[in-house]
Amino acid sequence: MRVVSEIAHPELKITIFHWNNRYLIKLEAGLFEQTYKIQEYDVDSEDEVKKLVTDEFIRGAIDRFNQMAESLHNALNTR
C-alpha cells in the first residue's frame, strides 16, 4: 500500500492511498475511521482523487463521525 497524499485538516487525519488497483480515501477522527474505495479506472489521476475531498465531502464525513460516536455511546449505555 502506497501513501499518495495527506490532506491537512484541523479535525481529521486524511490520507489517500493507492493499493490493489484502487485509491482509498481514509479519514480518521479519534477512535473512528471511514474509508472510501475508488476503482483506479474511475478516475484519471491521483490529483482527481484529491479533488474529491471537498469541504462538502468533509462536512458529510464529520456528520457521520458524530453519528458513529452517538451510536457507540448509546450501545455502551444500554448494556
Protein backbone atom coordinates (compact mmCIF):
# COMPACT_ATOMS: atom_id res chain seq x y z
CA MET A 1 0.00 0.00 0.00
CA ARG A 2 1.44 3.34 -1.03
CA VAL A 3 0.60 6.67 0.56
CA VAL A 4 -0.31 9.07 -2.23
CA SER A 5 -1.03 12.14 -0.16
CA GLU A 6 -2.05 13.52 3.20
CA ILE A 7 -4.52 16.38 3.29
CA ALA A 8 -4.18 18.82 6.16
CA HIS A 9 -7.34 19.38 8.19
CA PRO A 10 -7.79 20.71 11.74
CA GLU A 11 -10.25 17.99 12.85
CA LEU A 12 -9.42 14.93 10.75
CA LYS A 13 -6.44 12.98 9.57
CA ILE A 14 -6.99 12.47 5.85
CA THR A 15 -4.77 10.08 3.92
CA ILE A 16 -5.03 8.92 0.32
CA PHE A 17 -3.56 5.52 -0.53
CA HIS A 18 -3.07 3.55 -3.72
CA TRP A 19 -3.42 -0.20 -3.36
CA ASN A 20 -4.58 -3.16 -5.40
CA ASN A 21 -5.86 -1.09 -8.36
CA ARG A 22 -7.81 1.18 -6.02
CA TYR A 23 -7.45 4.51 -4.37
CA LEU A 24 -8.50 4.70 -0.74
CA ILE A 25 -9.51 7.91 0.99
CA LYS A 26 -9.13 7.29 4.72
CA LEU A 27 -10.46 9.77 7.25
CA GLU A 28 -9.69 9.39 10.94
CA ALA A 29 -11.21 11.17 13.93
CA GLY A 30 -10.15 9.89 17.33
CA LEU A 31 -11.13 6.23 17.64
CA PHE A 32 -13.22 6.25 14.46
CA GLU A 33 -12.31 5.94 10.80
CA GLN A 34 -14.02 5.95 7.43
CA THR A 35 -12.52 4.55 4.24
CA TYR A 36 -13.79 5.20 0.74
CA LYS A 37 -12.54 2.92 -2.04
CA ILE A 38 -12.41 4.12 -5.61
CA GLN A 39 -11.56 1.90 -8.55
CA GLU A 40 -8.44 3.10 -10.32
CA TYR A 41 -10.25 3.23 -13.66
CA ASP A 42 -12.98 5.54 -12.27
CA VAL A 43 -10.54 8.47 -12.04
CA ASP A 44 -7.94 9.87 -14.39
CA SER A 45 -5.23 10.71 -11.88
CA GLU A 46 -4.19 10.93 -8.25
CA ASP A 47 -4.94 14.65 -8.38
CA GLU A 48 -8.53 13.87 -9.33
CA VAL A 49 -8.84 11.71 -6.21
CA LYS A 50 -7.58 14.60 -4.06
CA LYS A 51 -10.17 16.90 -5.64
CA LEU A 52 -12.94 14.60 -4.41
CA VAL A 53 -12.13 15.63 -0.84
CA THR A 54 -14.13 18.86 -0.89
CA ASP A 55 -15.49 20.88 2.03
CA GLU A 56 -18.89 19.26 1.42
CA PHE A 57 -17.35 15.77 1.45
CA ILE A 58 -15.57 16.54 4.73
CA ARG A 59 -18.71 18.01 6.34
CA GLY A 60 -20.61 14.84 5.47
CA ALA A 61 -17.83 12.69 6.93
CA ILE A 62 -17.82 14.73 10.15
CA ASP A 63 -21.59 14.28 10.42
CA ARG A 64 -21.11 10.51 10.04
CA PHE A 65 -18.34 10.53 12.68
CA ASN A 66 -20.75 12.26 15.06
CA GLN A 67 -23.40 9.63 14.29
CA MET A 68 -20.86 6.87 14.88
CA ALA A 69 -19.89 8.34 18.25
CA GLU A 70 -23.55 8.65 19.23
CA SER A 71 -24.26 5.05 18.21
CA LEU A 72 -21.33 3.76 20.23
CA HIS A 73 -22.31 5.90 23.21
CA ASN A 74 -25.88 4.59 23.06
CA ALA A 75 -24.70 0.99 22.74
CA LEU A 76 -22.39 1.32 25.72
CA ASN A 77 -25.12 2.86 27.85
CA THR A 78 -27.75 0.20 27.10
CA ARG A 79 -25.79 -2.85 28.15
